[in-house]
């Protein structure tokens, strides 16, 4: 039984969204630290996918998929990704108005496009690429060209 299912069965789950973030990404960590500081009610479960011992098999996703863009999990086990993760995170820490505004038709399209562009270039933009290869976390895997 997975940890999420155990929490649901035992009634011990208090989080409304779990975020799978790259703890080796300086920009990502800045955002996560801000969210952690604002998460006074424990509504977010923070999971560092770059931590030694992290195992993605419980999610049905591989490490490379998780590294391509931010992913989250809802209490029912549904996997979400991209801007929707940020919407859920911001709503969970008290920025419901920001999450709602991000759903406006024009705003949503712009945010989705901007995040996709960032995600594709995240490793390069955060200084983790050398000679066309981008280092991926503590596992020192190499991703050619994208992430």
N, C-alpha and C. Protein backbone atom coordinates (compact mmCIF):
# COMPACT_ATOMS: atom_id res chain seq x y z
N UNK A 1 0.86 -1.18 0.00
CA UNK A 1 0.00 0.00 0.00
C UNK A 1 0.90 1.24 0.00
N UNK A 2 0.60 2.20 -0.87
CA UNK A 2 1.43 3.41 -0.95
C UNK A 2 1.18 4.29 0.27
N UNK A 3 2.10 5.23 0.51
CA UNK A 3 1.96 6.13 1.65
C UNK A 3 0.68 6.96 1.54
N UNK A 4 0.36 7.42 0.33
CA UNK A 4 -0.85 8.22 0.14
C UNK A 4 -2.07 7.39 0.49
N UNK A 5 -2.12 6.16 0.01
CA UNK A 5 -3.28 5.29 0.32
C UNK A 5 -3.36 4.99 1.81
N UNK A 6 -2.21 4.80 2.47
CA UNK A 6 -2.20 4.58 3.92
C UNK A 6 -2.75 5.80 4.65
N UNK A 7 -2.33 6.99 4.22
CA UNK A 7 -2.82 8.21 4.85
C UNK A 7 -4.32 8.35 4.66
N UNK A 8 -4.81 8.05 3.47
CA UNK A 8 -6.25 8.12 3.22
C UNK A 8 -7.00 7.10 4.07
N UNK A 9 -6.49 5.88 4.14
CA UNK A 9 -7.14 4.82 4.91
C UNK A 9 -7.16 5.15 6.41
N UNK A 10 -6.07 5.75 6.89
CA UNK A 10 -5.97 6.07 8.31
C UNK A 10 -6.58 7.42 8.67
N UNK A 11 -6.97 8.19 7.67
CA UNK A 11 -7.52 9.51 7.93
C UNK A 11 -6.48 10.51 8.41
N UNK A 12 -5.20 10.28 8.11
CA UNK A 12 -4.14 11.16 8.61
C UNK A 12 -3.69 12.19 7.58
N UNK A 13 -4.24 12.17 6.39
CA UNK A 13 -3.82 13.11 5.37
C UNK A 13 -4.39 14.49 5.68
N UNK A 14 -3.52 15.49 5.68
CA UNK A 14 -3.99 16.86 5.88
C UNK A 14 -3.66 17.74 4.68
N UNK A 15 -2.85 17.24 3.77
CA UNK A 15 -2.45 18.05 2.62
C UNK A 15 -3.50 17.99 1.52
N UNK A 16 -3.53 19.08 0.72
CA UNK A 16 -4.48 19.15 -0.39
C UNK A 16 -3.79 19.00 -1.73
N UNK A 17 -2.46 19.13 -1.74
CA UNK A 17 -1.68 18.93 -2.95
C UNK A 17 -0.26 18.54 -2.55
N UNK A 18 0.29 17.59 -3.28
CA UNK A 18 1.69 17.23 -3.11
C UNK A 18 2.44 17.73 -4.33
N UNK A 19 3.57 18.37 -4.10
CA UNK A 19 4.36 18.90 -5.21
C UNK A 19 5.66 18.11 -5.29
N UNK A 20 6.02 17.73 -6.52
CA UNK A 20 7.28 17.04 -6.79
C UNK A 20 8.21 18.05 -7.43
N UNK A 21 9.19 18.53 -6.68
CA UNK A 21 10.05 19.61 -7.15
C UNK A 21 11.50 19.17 -7.22
N UNK A 22 12.27 19.87 -8.03
CA UNK A 22 13.69 19.61 -8.22
C UNK A 22 14.47 20.43 -7.19
N UNK A 23 14.90 19.77 -6.14
CA UNK A 23 15.64 20.44 -5.07
C UNK A 23 17.03 20.90 -5.47
N UNK A 24 17.50 20.51 -6.64
CA UNK A 24 18.80 20.96 -7.14
C UNK A 24 18.67 22.21 -8.01
N UNK A 25 17.47 22.66 -8.25
CA UNK A 25 17.21 23.82 -9.10
C UNK A 25 17.10 25.07 -8.22
N UNK A 26 18.04 26.01 -8.36
CA UNK A 26 18.02 27.19 -7.48
C UNK A 26 16.73 28.01 -7.59
N UNK A 27 16.23 28.20 -8.77
CA UNK A 27 15.01 28.97 -8.95
C UNK A 27 13.80 28.22 -8.37
N UNK A 28 13.77 26.93 -8.60
CA UNK A 28 12.69 26.10 -8.06
C UNK A 28 12.71 26.14 -6.53
N UNK A 29 13.89 26.06 -5.95
CA UNK A 29 14.02 26.08 -4.49
C UNK A 29 13.58 27.41 -3.90
N UNK A 30 13.85 28.49 -4.60
CA UNK A 30 13.40 29.79 -4.12
C UNK A 30 11.87 29.80 -4.00
N UNK A 31 11.21 29.29 -5.02
CA UNK A 31 9.75 29.22 -5.02
C UNK A 31 9.25 28.28 -3.92
N UNK A 32 9.88 27.11 -3.78
CA UNK A 32 9.44 26.15 -2.76
C UNK A 32 9.64 26.71 -1.35
N UNK A 33 10.76 27.40 -1.11
CA UNK A 33 10.98 27.99 0.22
C UNK A 33 9.90 29.02 0.55
N UNK A 34 9.51 29.82 -0.43
CA UNK A 34 8.44 30.80 -0.21
C UNK A 34 7.14 30.07 0.13
N UNK A 35 6.83 29.03 -0.62
CA UNK A 35 5.60 28.28 -0.37
C UNK A 35 5.65 27.58 0.99
N UNK A 36 6.80 27.01 1.33
CA UNK A 36 6.94 26.35 2.64
C UNK A 36 6.70 27.34 3.77
N UNK A 37 7.24 28.53 3.64
CA UNK A 37 7.07 29.56 4.66
C UNK A 37 5.60 29.98 4.80
N UNK A 38 4.87 29.99 3.73
CA UNK A 38 3.46 30.41 3.74
C UNK A 38 2.51 29.27 4.11
N UNK A 39 2.98 28.04 4.06
CA UNK A 39 2.12 26.87 4.29
C UNK A 39 1.93 26.61 5.79
N UNK A 40 1.29 27.53 6.46
CA UNK A 40 1.10 27.46 7.92
C UNK A 40 0.16 26.34 8.34
N UNK A 41 -0.73 25.92 7.44
CA UNK A 41 -1.73 24.89 7.79
C UNK A 41 -1.34 23.50 7.31
N UNK A 42 -0.14 23.36 6.75
CA UNK A 42 0.30 22.04 6.29
C UNK A 42 -0.53 21.49 5.15
N UNK A 43 -0.96 22.36 4.25
CA UNK A 43 -1.81 21.94 3.14
C UNK A 43 -1.02 21.40 1.95
N UNK A 44 0.30 21.61 1.98
CA UNK A 44 1.14 21.16 0.86
C UNK A 44 2.11 20.09 1.37
N UNK A 45 2.22 19.05 0.60
CA UNK A 45 3.23 18.02 0.88
C UNK A 45 4.34 18.23 -0.14
N UNK A 46 5.54 18.55 0.36
CA UNK A 46 6.68 18.87 -0.49
C UNK A 46 7.55 17.62 -0.65
N UNK A 47 7.80 17.22 -1.90
CA UNK A 47 8.62 16.04 -2.18
C UNK A 47 9.72 16.43 -3.16
N UNK A 48 10.95 16.32 -2.69
CA UNK A 48 12.14 16.68 -3.48
C UNK A 48 12.54 15.49 -4.33
N UNK A 49 12.38 15.61 -5.64
CA UNK A 49 12.69 14.49 -6.54
C UNK A 49 14.19 14.34 -6.77
N UNK A 50 14.99 15.30 -6.29
CA UNK A 50 16.45 15.20 -6.42
C UNK A 50 17.08 14.61 -5.17
N UNK A 51 16.30 14.35 -4.15
CA UNK A 51 16.82 13.82 -2.89
C UNK A 51 17.29 12.38 -3.08
N UNK A 52 18.41 12.04 -2.45
CA UNK A 52 18.85 10.63 -2.50
C UNK A 52 17.73 9.75 -1.93
N UNK A 53 17.48 8.67 -2.58
CA UNK A 53 16.46 7.74 -2.11
C UNK A 53 15.05 8.01 -2.64
N UNK A 54 14.86 9.13 -3.34
CA UNK A 54 13.53 9.36 -3.92
C UNK A 54 13.25 8.28 -4.95
N UNK A 55 12.06 7.70 -4.88
CA UNK A 55 11.66 6.64 -5.80
C UNK A 55 10.36 7.04 -6.48
N UNK A 56 10.41 7.23 -7.78
CA UNK A 56 9.23 7.68 -8.51
C UNK A 56 8.29 6.54 -8.90
N UNK A 57 8.66 5.30 -8.63
CA UNK A 57 7.86 4.17 -9.10
C UNK A 57 6.44 4.18 -8.53
N UNK A 58 6.25 4.72 -7.34
CA UNK A 58 4.92 4.81 -6.73
C UNK A 58 3.98 5.69 -7.55
N UNK A 59 4.56 6.59 -8.34
CA UNK A 59 3.76 7.53 -9.12
C UNK A 59 3.38 7.01 -10.49
N UNK A 60 4.09 6.00 -10.95
CA UNK A 60 3.89 5.53 -12.32
C UNK A 60 4.55 6.43 -13.34
N UNK A 61 5.47 7.27 -12.87
CA UNK A 61 6.22 8.17 -13.74
C UNK A 61 7.71 7.93 -13.51
N UNK A 62 8.50 8.09 -14.57
CA UNK A 62 9.94 7.95 -14.36
C UNK A 62 10.57 9.29 -14.01
N UNK A 63 11.82 9.24 -13.58
CA UNK A 63 12.54 10.44 -13.16
C UNK A 63 12.63 11.47 -14.28
N UNK A 64 12.90 11.03 -15.50
CA UNK A 64 13.03 11.96 -16.63
C UNK A 64 11.73 12.73 -16.87
N UNK A 65 10.60 12.05 -16.75
CA UNK A 65 9.31 12.71 -16.91
C UNK A 65 9.10 13.76 -15.83
N UNK A 66 9.43 13.40 -14.60
CA UNK A 66 9.29 14.35 -13.49
C UNK A 66 10.20 15.56 -13.67
N UNK A 67 11.35 15.35 -14.28
CA UNK A 67 12.30 16.45 -14.47
C UNK A 67 11.90 17.38 -15.62
N UNK A 68 11.08 16.92 -16.53
CA UNK A 68 10.69 17.75 -17.68
C UNK A 68 9.83 18.95 -17.28
N UNK A 69 8.97 18.75 -16.30
CA UNK A 69 8.11 19.83 -15.81
C UNK A 69 7.63 19.48 -14.42
N UNK A 70 7.14 20.47 -13.72
CA UNK A 70 6.67 20.24 -12.36
C UNK A 70 5.42 19.37 -12.39
N UNK A 71 5.35 18.48 -11.40
CA UNK A 71 4.20 17.59 -11.25
C UNK A 71 3.67 17.70 -9.83
N UNK A 72 2.42 17.37 -9.68
CA UNK A 72 1.80 17.33 -8.37
C UNK A 72 0.87 16.14 -8.29
N UNK A 73 0.41 15.86 -7.08
CA UNK A 73 -0.55 14.78 -6.88
C UNK A 73 -1.62 15.29 -5.92
N UNK A 74 -2.84 15.01 -6.27
CA UNK A 74 -3.97 15.37 -5.43
C UNK A 74 -4.25 14.22 -4.46
N UNK A 75 -4.98 14.48 -3.40
CA UNK A 75 -5.22 13.43 -2.40
C UNK A 75 -5.86 12.16 -2.96
N UNK A 76 -6.61 12.26 -4.05
CA UNK A 76 -7.23 11.07 -4.64
C UNK A 76 -6.26 10.30 -5.54
N UNK A 77 -5.01 10.80 -5.65
CA UNK A 77 -4.00 10.13 -6.47
C UNK A 77 -3.85 10.70 -7.86
N UNK A 78 -4.74 11.61 -8.27
CA UNK A 78 -4.64 12.21 -9.60
C UNK A 78 -3.34 13.00 -9.73
N UNK A 79 -2.64 12.79 -10.84
CA UNK A 79 -1.41 13.51 -11.13
C UNK A 79 -1.76 14.75 -11.96
N UNK A 80 -1.21 15.89 -11.55
CA UNK A 80 -1.38 17.13 -12.30
C UNK A 80 0.02 17.62 -12.67
N UNK A 81 0.10 18.53 -13.64
CA UNK A 81 1.40 19.01 -14.07
C UNK A 81 1.33 20.45 -14.56
N UNK A 82 2.50 21.06 -14.68
CA UNK A 82 2.59 22.40 -15.22
C UNK A 82 1.94 23.46 -14.36
N UNK A 83 1.34 24.45 -15.00
CA UNK A 83 0.76 25.60 -14.31
C UNK A 83 -0.32 25.17 -13.32
N UNK A 84 -1.04 24.10 -13.61
CA UNK A 84 -2.08 23.65 -12.69
C UNK A 84 -1.50 23.32 -11.31
N UNK A 85 -0.28 22.82 -11.26
CA UNK A 85 0.38 22.55 -9.98
C UNK A 85 0.53 23.86 -9.21
N UNK A 86 1.02 24.89 -9.87
CA UNK A 86 1.20 26.18 -9.21
C UNK A 86 -0.13 26.76 -8.74
N UNK A 87 -1.18 26.60 -9.53
CA UNK A 87 -2.50 27.08 -9.12
C UNK A 87 -2.91 26.42 -7.81
N UNK A 88 -2.75 25.11 -7.75
CA UNK A 88 -3.14 24.37 -6.54
C UNK A 88 -2.26 24.75 -5.35
N UNK A 89 -0.96 24.93 -5.61
CA UNK A 89 -0.04 25.32 -4.53
C UNK A 89 -0.40 26.69 -3.98
N UNK A 90 -0.59 27.64 -4.87
CA UNK A 90 -0.89 29.01 -4.44
C UNK A 90 -2.23 29.07 -3.70
N UNK A 91 -3.23 28.34 -4.18
CA UNK A 91 -4.51 28.31 -3.48
C UNK A 91 -4.34 27.69 -2.08
N UNK A 92 -3.53 26.67 -1.97
CA UNK A 92 -3.33 25.98 -0.69
C UNK A 92 -2.67 26.87 0.36
N UNK A 93 -1.85 27.82 -0.07
CA UNK A 93 -1.13 28.67 0.90
C UNK A 93 -1.78 30.04 1.06
N UNK A 94 -3.00 30.21 0.56
CA UNK A 94 -3.73 31.43 0.81
C UNK A 94 -3.83 32.42 -0.34
N UNK A 95 -3.34 32.06 -1.50
CA UNK A 95 -3.42 32.94 -2.67
C UNK A 95 -4.50 32.46 -3.64
N UNK A 96 -5.69 32.18 -3.09
CA UNK A 96 -6.78 31.70 -3.93
C UNK A 96 -7.08 32.68 -5.06
N UNK A 97 -7.02 33.98 -4.76
CA UNK A 97 -7.30 35.01 -5.76
C UNK A 97 -6.34 34.93 -6.93
N UNK A 98 -5.08 34.61 -6.65
CA UNK A 98 -4.08 34.50 -7.71
C UNK A 98 -4.34 33.26 -8.58
N UNK A 99 -4.69 32.17 -7.91
CA UNK A 99 -5.04 30.95 -8.65
C UNK A 99 -6.25 31.19 -9.55
N UNK A 100 -7.24 31.89 -9.03
CA UNK A 100 -8.45 32.18 -9.82
C UNK A 100 -8.11 33.08 -11.00
N UNK A 101 -7.30 34.10 -10.76
CA UNK A 101 -6.92 35.02 -11.84
C UNK A 101 -6.14 34.30 -12.93
N UNK A 102 -5.35 33.31 -12.55
CA UNK A 102 -4.53 32.59 -13.53
C UNK A 102 -5.37 31.71 -14.45
N UNK A 103 -6.64 31.52 -14.10
CA UNK A 103 -7.53 30.71 -14.94
C UNK A 103 -8.26 31.53 -16.00
N UNK A 104 -8.13 32.84 -15.94
CA UNK A 104 -8.78 33.69 -16.96
C UNK A 104 -8.27 33.27 -18.33
N UNK A 105 -9.15 33.18 -19.34
CA UNK A 105 -8.76 32.64 -20.65
C UNK A 105 -7.45 33.16 -21.25
N UNK A 106 -7.28 34.44 -21.39
CA UNK A 106 -6.04 34.96 -21.98
C UNK A 106 -4.84 34.74 -21.07
N UNK A 107 -5.05 34.94 -19.78
CA UNK A 107 -3.98 34.77 -18.80
C UNK A 107 -3.52 33.32 -18.77
N UNK A 108 -4.46 32.41 -18.78
CA UNK A 108 -4.14 30.98 -18.74
C UNK A 108 -3.28 30.56 -19.92
N UNK A 109 -3.63 31.01 -21.11
CA UNK A 109 -2.84 30.67 -22.31
C UNK A 109 -1.41 31.20 -22.22
N UNK A 110 -1.28 32.43 -21.76
CA UNK A 110 0.05 33.05 -21.64
C UNK A 110 0.89 32.32 -20.59
N UNK A 111 0.29 32.03 -19.43
CA UNK A 111 1.02 31.32 -18.38
C UNK A 111 1.45 29.93 -18.83
N UNK A 112 0.54 29.22 -19.49
CA UNK A 112 0.88 27.88 -19.97
C UNK A 112 2.05 27.92 -20.95
N UNK A 113 2.01 28.86 -21.89
CA UNK A 113 3.08 28.99 -22.89
C UNK A 113 4.40 29.39 -22.23
N UNK A 114 4.33 30.34 -21.31
CA UNK A 114 5.55 30.80 -20.63
C UNK A 114 6.16 29.68 -19.79
N UNK A 115 5.31 28.92 -19.07
CA UNK A 115 5.85 27.83 -18.26
C UNK A 115 6.47 26.75 -19.15
N UNK A 116 5.81 26.39 -20.23
CA UNK A 116 6.36 25.37 -21.14
C UNK A 116 7.74 25.79 -21.66
N UNK A 117 7.88 27.08 -22.02
CA UNK A 117 9.17 27.57 -22.51
C UNK A 117 10.22 27.49 -21.39
N UNK A 118 9.82 27.88 -20.18
CA UNK A 118 10.76 27.79 -19.05
C UNK A 118 11.15 26.34 -18.79
N UNK A 119 10.17 25.45 -18.74
CA UNK A 119 10.44 24.04 -18.42
C UNK A 119 11.41 23.41 -19.41
N UNK A 120 11.26 23.74 -20.67
CA UNK A 120 12.15 23.19 -21.69
C UNK A 120 13.59 23.66 -21.54
N UNK A 121 13.77 24.83 -20.92
CA UNK A 121 15.09 25.43 -20.81
C UNK A 121 15.58 25.58 -19.37
N UNK A 122 14.85 24.99 -18.42
CA UNK A 122 15.12 25.18 -17.01
C UNK A 122 16.54 24.83 -16.59
N UNK A 123 17.05 23.72 -17.03
CA UNK A 123 18.40 23.32 -16.62
C UNK A 123 19.44 24.29 -17.16
N UNK A 124 19.28 24.69 -18.39
CA UNK A 124 20.21 25.65 -18.99
C UNK A 124 20.11 27.00 -18.29
N UNK A 125 18.89 27.47 -18.04
CA UNK A 125 18.68 28.77 -17.42
C UNK A 125 19.18 28.84 -15.98
N UNK A 126 19.24 27.70 -15.32
CA UNK A 126 19.72 27.68 -13.93
C UNK A 126 21.17 27.22 -13.83
N UNK A 127 21.88 27.25 -14.95
CA UNK A 127 23.32 26.99 -14.94
C UNK A 127 23.73 25.54 -14.75
N UNK A 128 22.90 24.61 -15.17
CA UNK A 128 23.23 23.19 -14.96
C UNK A 128 23.53 22.45 -16.26
N UNK A 129 23.96 23.18 -17.28
CA UNK A 129 24.34 22.56 -18.55
C UNK A 129 25.78 22.91 -18.90
N UNK A 130 26.49 21.92 -19.42
CA UNK A 130 27.84 22.12 -19.92
C UNK A 130 27.99 21.36 -21.23
N UNK A 131 28.47 22.04 -22.24
CA UNK A 131 28.72 21.40 -23.53
C UNK A 131 27.51 20.66 -24.08
N UNK A 132 26.33 21.25 -23.92
CA UNK A 132 25.11 20.66 -24.49
C UNK A 132 24.47 19.58 -23.66
N UNK A 133 25.09 19.16 -22.55
CA UNK A 133 24.51 18.15 -21.67
C UNK A 133 24.11 18.82 -20.36
N UNK A 134 22.96 18.46 -19.85
CA UNK A 134 22.46 19.06 -18.62
C UNK A 134 22.45 18.02 -17.51
N UNK A 135 23.12 18.33 -16.40
CA UNK A 135 23.16 17.42 -15.26
C UNK A 135 21.82 17.42 -14.57
N UNK A 136 21.37 16.24 -14.17
CA UNK A 136 20.08 16.09 -13.53
C UNK A 136 20.29 15.57 -12.12
N UNK A 137 20.25 16.48 -11.17
CA UNK A 137 20.22 16.14 -9.75
C UNK A 137 21.33 15.25 -9.25
N UNK A 138 21.09 14.70 -8.07
CA UNK A 138 22.07 13.89 -7.38
C UNK A 138 22.38 12.60 -8.13
N UNK A 139 21.49 12.20 -9.02
CA UNK A 139 21.72 10.96 -9.76
C UNK A 139 22.70 11.15 -10.90
N UNK A 140 23.04 12.40 -11.22
CA UNK A 140 24.01 12.73 -12.27
C UNK A 140 23.69 12.10 -13.60
N UNK A 141 22.39 11.99 -13.88
CA UNK A 141 21.97 11.52 -15.19
C UNK A 141 22.16 12.67 -16.17
N UNK A 142 22.27 12.38 -17.42
CA UNK A 142 22.41 13.45 -18.42
C UNK A 142 21.18 13.47 -19.31
N UNK A 143 20.71 14.66 -19.57
CA UNK A 143 19.58 14.85 -20.47
C UNK A 143 20.09 15.68 -21.61
N UNK A 144 19.98 15.17 -22.80
CA UNK A 144 20.47 15.88 -23.98
C UNK A 144 19.42 16.85 -24.49
N UNK A 145 19.78 18.12 -24.54
CA UNK A 145 18.96 19.13 -25.21
C UNK A 145 17.76 19.65 -24.49
N UNK A 146 16.93 18.81 -23.84
CA UNK A 146 15.70 19.30 -23.22
C UNK A 146 15.62 18.87 -21.77
N UNK A 147 14.71 19.50 -21.09
CA UNK A 147 14.31 19.14 -19.75
C UNK A 147 13.33 20.12 -19.35
